[in-house]
Amino acid sequence: MKNTNESIPCQLSKTNAAIQCSRLLERLKHGPISTFQAREQLHIAHVACRIHDLRRKGYNIETHTCKESTTGGAVSRVALYILTAGPEEV
């Protein structure tokens, strides 16, 4: 029987929580990002978990709710995340 892990692309191994937090933090430094945007642009499935991880590291991140259209046209309430301070500024 063939080892199924051999067929998994290399890029998938680069989606661990630490790397996702790094991508999300870099994006937050450029301005607010919504849940939908983070999923689509940064390929982060559980955005709230990564926000929680960043907050535990000392980053101040505000959460606001907003309405955003999905690619199918439906309107949903989503979180909008705003980085307000880093750990050295707290």
PDB file of N, CA and C in Angstrom:
ATOM      1  N   MET A   1       0.835  -1.186   0.000  1.00  0.00           N
ATOM      2  CA  MET A   1       0.000   0.000   0.000  1.00  0.00           C
ATOM      3  C   MET A   1       0.879   1.249   0.000  1.00  0.00           C
ATOM      4  N   LYS A   2       0.559   2.194  -0.865  1.00  0.00           N
ATOM      5  CA  LYS A   2       1.325   3.427  -0.989  1.00  0.00           C
ATOM      6  C   LYS A   2       1.025   4.376   0.167  1.00  0.00           C
ATOM      7  N   ASN A   3       2.052   5.056   0.648  1.00  0.00           N
ATOM      8  CA  ASN A   3       1.891   6.054   1.698  1.00  0.00           C
ATOM      9  C   ASN A   3       1.176   7.273   1.105  1.00  0.00           C
ATOM     10  N   THR A   4      -0.003   7.573   1.627  1.00  0.00           N
ATOM     11  CA  THR A   4      -0.805   8.670   1.065  1.00  0.00           C
ATOM     12  C   THR A   4      -0.213  10.039   1.344  1.00  0.00           C
ATOM     13  N   ASN A   5       0.667  10.160   2.350  1.00  0.00           N
ATOM     14  CA  ASN A   5       1.279  11.450   2.655  1.00  0.00           C
ATOM     15  C   ASN A   5       2.212  11.921   1.554  1.00  0.00           C
ATOM     16  N   GLU A   6       2.715  11.000   0.728  1.00  0.00           N
ATOM     17  CA  GLU A   6       3.624  11.385  -0.341  1.00  0.00           C
ATOM     18  C   GLU A   6       2.928  12.240  -1.396  1.00  0.00           C
ATOM     19  N   SER A   7       1.618  12.098  -1.527  1.00  0.00           N
ATOM     20  CA  SER A   7       0.902  12.839  -2.559  1.00  0.00           C
ATOM     21  C   SER A   7       0.434  14.225  -2.105  1.00  0.00           C
ATOM     22  N   ILE A   8       0.679  14.582  -0.859  1.00  0.00           N
ATOM     23  CA  ILE A   8       0.259  15.891  -0.347  1.00  0.00           C
ATOM     24  C   ILE A   8       1.259  16.941  -0.797  1.00  0.00           C
ATOM     25  N   PRO A   9       0.796  18.008  -1.464  1.00  0.00           N
ATOM     26  CA  PRO A   9       1.712  19.053  -1.936  1.00  0.00           C
ATOM     27  C   PRO A   9       2.456  19.718  -0.789  1.00  0.00           C
ATOM     28  N   CYS A  10       3.653  20.177  -1.072  1.00  0.00           N
ATOM     29  CA  CYS A  10       4.508  20.853  -0.089  1.00  0.00           C
ATOM     30  C   CYS A  10       3.835  22.067   0.526  1.00  0.00           C
ATOM     31  N   GLN A  11       3.096  22.851  -0.273  1.00  0.00           N
ATOM     32  CA  GLN A  11       2.495  24.078   0.218  1.00  0.00           C
ATOM     33  C   GLN A  11       1.538  23.821   1.384  1.00  0.00           C
ATOM     34  N   LEU A  12       0.888  22.663   1.411  1.00  0.00           N
ATOM     35  CA  LEU A  12      -0.054  22.393   2.493  1.00  0.00           C
ATOM     36  C   LEU A  12       0.651  22.286   3.831  1.00  0.00           C
ATOM     37  N   SER A  13       1.906  21.872   3.836  1.00  0.00           N
ATOM     38  CA  SER A  13       2.629  21.772   5.099  1.00  0.00           C
ATOM     39  C   SER A  13       2.995  23.156   5.629  1.00  0.00           C
ATOM     40  N   LYS A  14       2.827  24.193   4.808  1.00  0.00           N
ATOM     41  CA  LYS A  14       3.159  25.562   5.215  1.00  0.00           C
ATOM     42  C   LYS A  14       1.934  26.328   5.707  1.00  0.00           C
ATOM     43  N   THR A  15       0.919  25.627   6.146  1.00  0.00           N
ATOM     44  CA  THR A  15      -0.285  26.296   6.622  1.00  0.00           C
ATOM     45  C   THR A  15      -0.473  26.095   8.121  1.00  0.00           C
ATOM     46  N   ASN A  16       0.607  25.848   8.849  1.00  0.00           N
ATOM     47  CA  ASN A  16       0.451  25.666  10.289  1.00  0.00           C
ATOM     48  C   ASN A  16       0.076  26.992  10.947  1.00  0.00           C
ATOM     49  N   ALA A  17      -0.325  26.928  12.177  1.00  0.00           N
ATOM     50  CA  ALA A  17      -0.841  28.106  12.883  1.00  0.00           C
ATOM     51  C   ALA A  17       0.173  29.243  12.943  1.00  0.00           C
ATOM     52  N   ALA A  18       1.430  28.946  13.190  1.00  0.00           N
ATOM     53  CA  ALA A  18       2.443  29.997  13.307  1.00  0.00           C
ATOM     54  C   ALA A  18       2.600  30.753  11.988  1.00  0.00           C
ATOM     55  N   ILE A  19       2.614  30.035  10.885  1.00  0.00           N
ATOM     56  CA  ILE A  19       2.762  30.681   9.581  1.00  0.00           C
ATOM     57  C   ILE A  19       1.511  31.481   9.239  1.00  0.00           C
ATOM     58  N   GLN A  20       0.344  30.954   9.572  1.00  0.00           N
ATOM     59  CA  GLN A  20      -0.896  31.685   9.338  1.00  0.00           C
ATOM     60  C   GLN A  20      -0.920  32.967  10.163  1.00  0.00           C
ATOM     61  N   CYS A  21      -0.483  32.897  11.404  1.00  0.00           N
ATOM     62  CA  CYS A  21      -0.432  34.094  12.258  1.00  0.00           C
ATOM     63  C   CYS A  21       0.504  35.136  11.657  1.00  0.00           C
ATOM     64  N   SER A  22       1.622  34.688  11.152  1.00  0.00           N
ATOM     65  CA  SER A  22       2.585  35.600  10.546  1.00  0.00           C
ATOM     66  C   SER A  22       1.988  36.303   9.327  1.00  0.00           C
ATOM     67  N   ARG A  23       1.322  35.542   8.459  1.00  0.00           N
ATOM     68  CA  ARG A  23       0.688  36.139   7.273  1.00  0.00           C
ATOM     69  C   ARG A  23      -0.400  37.124   7.680  1.00  0.00           C
ATOM     70  N   LEU A  24      -1.216  36.727   8.660  1.00  0.00           N
ATOM     71  CA  LEU A  24      -2.319  37.575   9.110  1.00  0.00           C
ATOM     72  C   LEU A  24      -1.794  38.856   9.751  1.00  0.00           C
ATOM     73  N   LEU A  25      -0.768  38.755  10.568  1.00  0.00           N
ATOM     74  CA  LEU A  25      -0.200  39.935  11.215  1.00  0.00           C
ATOM     75  C   LEU A  25       0.361  40.909  10.182  1.00  0.00           C
ATOM     76  N   GLU A  26       1.075  40.401   9.211  1.00  0.00           N
ATOM     77  CA  GLU A  26       1.610  41.268   8.159  1.00  0.00           C
ATOM     78  C   GLU A  26       0.493  41.992   7.416  1.00  0.00           C
ATOM     79  N   ARG A  27      -0.590  41.281   7.154  1.00  0.00           N
ATOM     80  CA  ARG A  27      -1.732  41.886   6.457  1.00  0.00           C
ATOM     81  C   ARG A  27      -2.410  42.932   7.326  1.00  0.00           C
ATOM     82  N   LEU A  28      -2.572  42.647   8.635  1.00  0.00           N
ATOM     83  CA  LEU A  28      -3.206  43.590   9.558  1.00  0.00           C
ATOM     84  C   LEU A  28      -2.409  44.882   9.684  1.00  0.00           C
ATOM     85  N   LYS A  29      -1.109  44.823   9.494  1.00  0.00           N
ATOM     86  CA  LYS A  29      -0.275  46.023   9.573  1.00  0.00           C
ATOM     87  C   LYS A  29      -0.590  47.004   8.452  1.00  0.00           C
ATOM     88  N   HIS A  30      -1.239  46.513   7.399  1.00  0.00           N
ATOM     89  CA  HIS A  30      -1.602  47.366   6.260  1.00  0.00           C
ATOM     90  C   HIS A  30      -3.036  47.858   6.321  1.00  0.00           C
ATOM     91  N   GLY A  31      -3.794  47.420   7.342  1.00  0.00           N
ATOM     92  CA  GLY A  31      -5.169  47.882   7.490  1.00  0.00           C
ATOM     93  C   GLY A  31      -6.107  46.756   7.871  1.00  0.00           C
ATOM     94  N   PRO A  32      -7.376  47.099   8.088  1.00  0.00           N
ATOM     95  CA  PRO A  32      -8.374  46.119   8.514  1.00  0.00           C
ATOM     96  C   PRO A  32      -8.543  44.985   7.499  1.00  0.00           C
ATOM     97  N   ILE A  33      -8.963  43.842   8.008  1.00  0.00           N
ATOM     98  CA  ILE A  33      -9.256  42.698   7.149  1.00  0.00           C
ATOM     99  C   ILE A  33     -10.472  41.975   7.722  1.00  0.00           C
ATOM    100  N   SER A  34     -11.345  41.524   6.837  1.00  0.00           N
ATOM    101  CA  SER A  34     -12.545  40.795   7.270  1.00  0.00           C
ATOM    102  C   SER A  34     -12.274  39.297   7.254  1.00  0.00           C
ATOM    103  N   THR A  35     -13.173  38.576   7.869  1.00  0.00           N
ATOM    104  CA  THR A  35     -13.079  37.118   7.879  1.00  0.00           C
ATOM    105  C   THR A  35     -13.032  36.575   6.455  1.00  0.00           C
ATOM    106  N   PHE A  36     -13.926  37.042   5.602  1.00  0.00           N
ATOM    107  CA  PHE A  36     -13.960  36.564   4.215  1.00  0.00           C
ATOM    108  C   PHE A  36     -12.653  36.867   3.492  1.00  0.00           C
ATOM    109  N   GLN A  37     -12.130  38.081   3.683  1.00  0.00           N
ATOM    110  CA  GLN A  37     -10.891  38.460   3.016  1.00  0.00           C
ATOM    111  C   GLN A  37      -9.721  37.586   3.471  1.00  0.00           C
ATOM    112  N   ALA A  38      -9.641  37.328   4.774  1.00  0.00           N
ATOM    113  CA  ALA A  38      -8.550  36.501   5.299  1.00  0.00           C
ATOM    114  C   ALA A  38      -8.644  35.071   4.771  1.00  0.00           C
ATOM    115  N   ARG A  39      -9.861  34.556   4.668  1.00  0.00           N
ATOM    116  CA  ARG A  39     -10.024  33.210   4.121  1.00  0.00           C
ATOM    117  C   ARG A  39      -9.615  33.162   2.654  1.00  0.00           C
ATOM    118  N   GLU A  40     -10.057  34.150   1.889  1.00  0.00           N
ATOM    119  CA  GLU A  40      -9.815  34.155   0.454  1.00  0.00           C
ATOM    120  C   GLU A  40      -8.373  34.537   0.112  1.00  0.00           C
ATOM    121  N   GLN A  41      -7.871  35.603   0.700  1.00  0.00           N
ATOM    122  CA  GLN A  41      -6.552  36.127   0.341  1.00  0.00           C
ATOM    123  C   GLN A  41      -5.402  35.404   1.035  1.00  0.00           C
ATOM    124  N   LEU A  42      -5.613  35.001   2.292  1.00  0.00           N
ATOM    125  CA  LEU A  42      -4.535  34.407   3.078  1.00  0.00           C
ATOM    126  C   LEU A  42      -4.689  32.906   3.274  1.00  0.00           C
ATOM    127  N   HIS A  43      -5.802  32.361   2.817  1.00  0.00           N
ATOM    128  CA  HIS A  43      -6.078  30.918   2.918  1.00  0.00           C
ATOM    129  C   HIS A  43      -6.055  30.430   4.374  1.00  0.00           C
ATOM    130  N   ILE A  44      -6.738  31.203   5.232  1.00  0.00           N
ATOM    131  CA  ILE A  44      -6.854  30.851   6.646  1.00  0.00           C
ATOM    132  C   ILE A  44      -8.298  30.455   6.913  1.00  0.00           C
ATOM    133  N   ALA A  45      -8.518  29.195   7.219  1.00  0.00           N
ATOM    134  CA  ALA A  45      -9.879  28.701   7.418  1.00  0.00           C
ATOM    135  C   ALA A  45     -10.489  29.188   8.737  1.00  0.00           C
ATOM    136  N   HIS A  46      -9.710  29.192   9.798  1.00  0.00           N
ATOM    137  CA  HIS A  46     -10.221  29.554  11.124  1.00  0.00           C
ATOM    138  C   HIS A  46      -9.584  30.870  11.578  1.00  0.00           C
ATOM    139  N   VAL A  47     -10.060  31.937  10.996  1.00  0.00           N
ATOM    140  CA  VAL A  47      -9.480  33.261  11.222  1.00  0.00           C
ATOM    141  C   VAL A  47      -9.570  33.661  12.699  1.00  0.00           C
ATOM    142  N   ALA A  48     -10.690  33.409  13.330  1.00  0.00           N
ATOM    143  CA  ALA A  48     -10.860  33.794  14.739  1.00  0.00           C
ATOM    144  C   ALA A  48      -9.827  33.112  15.632  1.00  0.00           C
ATOM    145  N   CYS A  49      -9.461  31.899  15.315  1.00  0.00           N
ATOM    146  CA  CYS A  49      -8.435  31.191  16.096  1.00  0.00           C
ATOM    147  C   CYS A  49      -7.079  31.877  15.967  1.00  0.00           C
ATOM    148  N   ARG A  50      -6.748  32.326  14.754  1.00  0.00           N
ATOM    149  CA  ARG A  50      -5.465  33.006  14.552  1.00  0.00           C
ATOM    150  C   ARG A  50      -5.471  34.379  15.229  1.00  0.00           C
ATOM    151  N   ILE A  51      -6.612  35.060  15.228  1.00  0.00           N
ATOM    152  CA  ILE A  51      -6.732  36.340  15.940  1.00  0.00           C
ATOM    153  C   ILE A  51      -6.521  36.103  17.431  1.00  0.00           C
ATOM    154  N   HIS A  52      -7.107  35.056  17.952  1.00  0.00           N
ATOM    155  CA  HIS A  52      -6.939  34.688  19.362  1.00  0.00           C
ATOM    156  C   HIS A  52      -5.457  34.445  19.671  1.00  0.00           C
ATOM    157  N   ASP A  53      -4.777  33.715  18.793  1.00  0.00           N
ATOM    158  CA  ASP A  53      -3.347  33.449  18.984  1.00  0.00           C
ATOM    159  C   ASP A  53      -2.549  34.749  19.022  1.00  0.00           C
ATOM    160  N   LEU A  54      -2.850  35.675  18.109  1.00  0.00           N
ATOM    161  CA  LEU A  54      -2.140  36.955  18.081  1.00  0.00           C
ATOM    162  C   LEU A  54      -2.420  37.773  19.337  1.00  0.00           C
ATOM    163  N   ARG A  55      -3.637  37.736  19.811  1.00  0.00           N
ATOM    164  CA  ARG A  55      -3.973  38.466  21.044  1.00  0.00           C
ATOM    165  C   ARG A  55      -3.207  37.894  22.226  1.00  0.00           C
ATOM    166  N   ARG A  56      -3.066  36.571  22.269  1.00  0.00           N
ATOM    167  CA  ARG A  56      -2.303  35.942  23.353  1.00  0.00           C
ATOM    168  C   ARG A  56      -0.835  36.344  23.315  1.00  0.00           C
ATOM    169  N   LYS A  57      -0.342  36.722  22.133  1.00  0.00           N
ATOM    170  CA  LYS A  57       1.046  37.183  21.992  1.00  0.00           C
ATOM    171  C   LYS A  57       1.182  38.659  22.340  1.00  0.00           C
ATOM    172  N   GLY A  58       0.069  39.326  22.664  1.00  0.00           N
ATOM    173  CA  GLY A  58       0.120  40.708  23.110  1.00  0.00           C
ATOM    174  C   GLY A  58      -0.360  41.749  22.121  1.00  0.00           C
ATOM    175  N   TYR A  59      -0.840  41.321  20.971  1.00  0.00           N
ATOM    176  CA  TYR A  59      -1.342  42.288  19.991  1.00  0.00           C
ATOM    177  C   TYR A  59      -2.763  42.702  20.347  1.00  0.00           C
ATOM    178  N   ASN A  60      -3.028  44.010  20.265  1.00  0.00           N
ATOM    179  CA  ASN A  60      -4.380  44.527  20.466  1.00  0.00           C
ATOM    180  C   ASN A  60      -5.070  44.538  19.107  1.00  0.00           C
ATOM    181  N   ILE A  61      -6.114  43.765  18.990  1.00  0.00           N
ATOM    182  CA  ILE A  61      -6.857  43.676  17.739  1.00  0.00           C
ATOM    183  C   ILE A  61      -8.327  43.872  18.059  1.00  0.00           C
ATOM    184  N   GLU A  62      -8.900  44.919  17.486  1.00  0.00           N
ATOM    185  CA  GLU A  62     -10.334  45.176  17.668  1.00  0.00           C
ATOM    186  C   GLU A  62     -11.126  44.323  16.696  1.00  0.00           C
ATOM    187  N   THR A  63     -12.324  43.940  17.138  1.00  0.00           N
ATOM    188  CA  THR A  63     -13.239  43.191  16.279  1.00  0.00           C
ATOM    189  C   THR A  63     -14.526  43.989  16.136  1.00  0.00           C
ATOM    190  N   HIS A  64     -14.910  44.246  14.906  1.00  0.00           N
ATOM    191  CA  HIS A  64     -16.169  44.908  14.587  1.00  0.00           C
ATOM    192  C   HIS A  64     -16.948  43.971  13.675  1.00  0.00           C
ATOM    193  N   THR A  65     -18.257  44.086  13.697  1.00  0.00           N
ATOM    194  CA  THR A  65     -19.041  43.292  12.758  1.00  0.00           C
ATOM    195  C   THR A  65     -19.471  44.178  11.595  1.00  0.00           C
ATOM    196  N   CYS A  66     -19.514  43.552  10.435  1.00  0.00           N
ATOM    197  CA  CYS A  66     -19.954  44.265   9.240  1.00  0.00           C
ATOM    198  C   CYS A  66     -20.670  43.270   8.332  1.00  0.00           C
ATOM    199  N   LYS A  67     -21.318  43.794   7.327  1.00  0.00           N
ATOM    200  CA  LYS A  67     -21.978  42.943   6.348  1.00  0.00           C
ATOM    201  C   LYS A  67     -21.127  42.905   5.093  1.00  0.00           C
ATOM    202  N   GLU A  68     -20.980  41.703   4.542  1.00  0.00           N
ATOM    203  CA  GLU A  68     -20.154  41.534   3.354  1.00  0.00           C
ATOM    204  C   GLU A  68     -20.804  40.507   2.444  1.00  0.00           C
ATOM    205  N   SER A  69     -20.702  40.719   1.153  1.00  0.00           N
ATOM    206  CA  SER A  69     -21.282  39.791   0.187  1.00  0.00           C
ATOM    207  C   SER A  69     -20.335  38.637  -0.079  1.00  0.00           C
ATOM    208  N   THR A  70     -20.900  37.441  -0.173  1.00  0.00           N
ATOM    209  CA  THR A  70     -20.114  36.281  -0.537  1.00  0.00           C
ATOM    210  C   THR A  70     -19.932  36.266  -2.049  1.00  0.00           C
ATOM    211  N   THR A  71     -19.119  35.352  -2.544  1.00  0.00           N
ATOM    212  CA  THR A  71     -18.925  35.251  -3.990  1.00  0.00           C
ATOM    213  C   THR A  71     -20.221  34.856  -4.682  1.00  0.00           C
ATOM    214  N   GLY A  72     -21.124  34.203  -3.965  1.00  0.00           N
ATOM    215  CA  GLY A  72     -22.423  33.827  -4.518  1.00  0.00           C
ATOM    216  C   GLY A  72     -23.456  34.930  -4.455  1.00  0.00           C
ATOM    217  N   GLY A  73     -23.113  36.051  -3.822  1.00  0.00           N
ATOM    218  CA  GLY A  73     -24.026  37.181  -3.763  1.00  0.00           C
ATOM    219  C   GLY A  73     -24.822  37.297  -2.472  1.00  0.00           C
ATOM    220  N   ALA A  74     -24.740  36.306  -1.611  1.00  0.00           N
ATOM    221  CA  ALA A  74     -25.455  36.377  -0.329  1.00  0.00           C
ATOM    222  C   ALA A  74     -24.732  37.352   0.600  1.00  0.00           C
ATOM    223  N   VAL A  75     -25.497  38.043   1.422  1.00  0.00           N
ATOM    224  CA  VAL A  75     -24.919  38.988   2.380  1.00  0.00           C
ATOM    225  C   VAL A  75     -24.850  38.311   3.745  1.00  0.00           C
ATOM    226  N   SER A  76     -23.676  38.383   4.353  1.00  0.00           N
ATOM    227  CA  SER A  76     -23.462  37.761   5.666  1.00  0.00           C
ATOM    228  C   SER A  76     -22.822  38.754   6.611  1.00  0.00           C
ATOM    229  N   ARG A  77     -23.066  38.566   7.891  1.00  0.00           N
ATOM    230  CA  ARG A  77     -22.368  39.345   8.912  1.00  0.00           C
ATOM    231  C   ARG A  77     -21.033  38.663   9.172  1.00  0.00           C
ATOM    232  N   VAL A  78     -19.968  39.438   9.111  1.00  0.00           N
ATOM    233  CA  VAL A  78     -18.635  38.889   9.348  1.00  0.00           C
ATOM    234  C   VAL A  78     -17.872  39.809  10.287  1.00  0.00           C
ATOM    235  N   ALA A  79     -16.763  39.295  10.809  1.00  0.00           N
ATOM    236  CA  ALA A  79     -15.902  40.104  11.667  1.00  0.00           C
ATOM    237  C   ALA A  79     -14.946  40.922  10.810  1.00  0.00           C
ATOM    238  N   LEU A  80     -14.681  42.135  11.255  1.00  0.00           N
ATOM    239  CA  LEU A  80     -13.672  42.988  10.652  1.00  0.00           C
ATOM    240  C   LEU A  80     -12.626  43.220  11.739  1.00  0.00           C
ATOM    241  N   TYR A  81     -11.388  42.839  11.465  1.00  0.00           N
ATOM    242  CA  TYR A  81     -10.311  42.911  12.455  1.00  0.00           C
ATOM    243  C   TYR A  81      -9.406  44.101  12.167  1.00  0.00           C
ATOM    244  N   ILE A  82      -9.076  44.840  13.242  1.00  0.00           N
ATOM    245  CA  ILE A  82      -8.239  46.028  13.124  1.00  0.00           C
ATOM    246  C   ILE A  82      -7.129  45.943  14.167  1.00  0.00           C
ATOM    247  N   LEU A  83      -5.894  45.974  13.708  1.00  0.00           N
ATOM    248  CA  LEU A  83      -4.740  45.980  14.606  1.00  0.00           C
ATOM    249  C   LEU A  83      -4.574  47.389  15.154  1.00  0.00           C
ATOM    250  N   THR A  84      -4.622  47.524  16.475  1.00  0.00           N
ATOM    251  CA  THR A  84      -4.505  48.846  17.088  1.00  0.00           C
ATOM    252  C   THR A  84      -3.170  49.052  17.791  1.00  0.00           C
ATOM    253  N   ALA A  85      -2.514  47.983  18.225  1.00  0.00           N
ATOM    254  CA  ALA A  85      -1.224  48.102  18.911  1.00  0.00           C
ATOM    255  C   ALA A  85      -0.520  46.748  18.938  1.00  0.00           C
ATOM    256  N   GLY A  86       0.795  46.804  18.879  1.00  0.00           N
ATOM    257  CA  GLY A  86       1.602  45.601  19.009  1.00  0.00           C
ATOM    258  C   GLY A  86       1.951  45.366  20.457  1.00  0.00           C
ATOM    259  N   PRO A  87       2.599  44.246  20.769  1.00  0.00           N
ATOM    260  CA  PRO A  87       2.897  43.919  22.164  1.00  0.00           C
ATOM    261  C   PRO A  87       3.811  44.948  22.849  1.00  0.00           C
ATOM    262  N   GLU A  88       4.691  45.596  22.071  1.00  0.00           N
ATOM    263  CA  GLU A  88       5.587  46.585  22.663  1.00  0.00           C
ATOM    264  C   GLU A  88       4.885  47.899  22.963  1.00  0.00           C
ATOM    265  N   GLU A  89       3.670  48.078  22.419  1.00  0.00           N
ATOM    266  CA  GLU A  89       2.929  49.328  22.600  1.00  0.00           C
ATOM    267  C   GLU A  89       1.851  49.222  23.678  1.00  0.00           C
ATOM    268  N   VAL A  90       1.678  48.048  24.221  1.00  0.00           N
ATOM    269  CA  VAL A  90       0.602  47.819  25.190  1.00  0.00           C
ATOM    270  C   VAL A  90       1.016  48.277  26.565  1.00  0.00           C
TER     271      VAL A  90
END
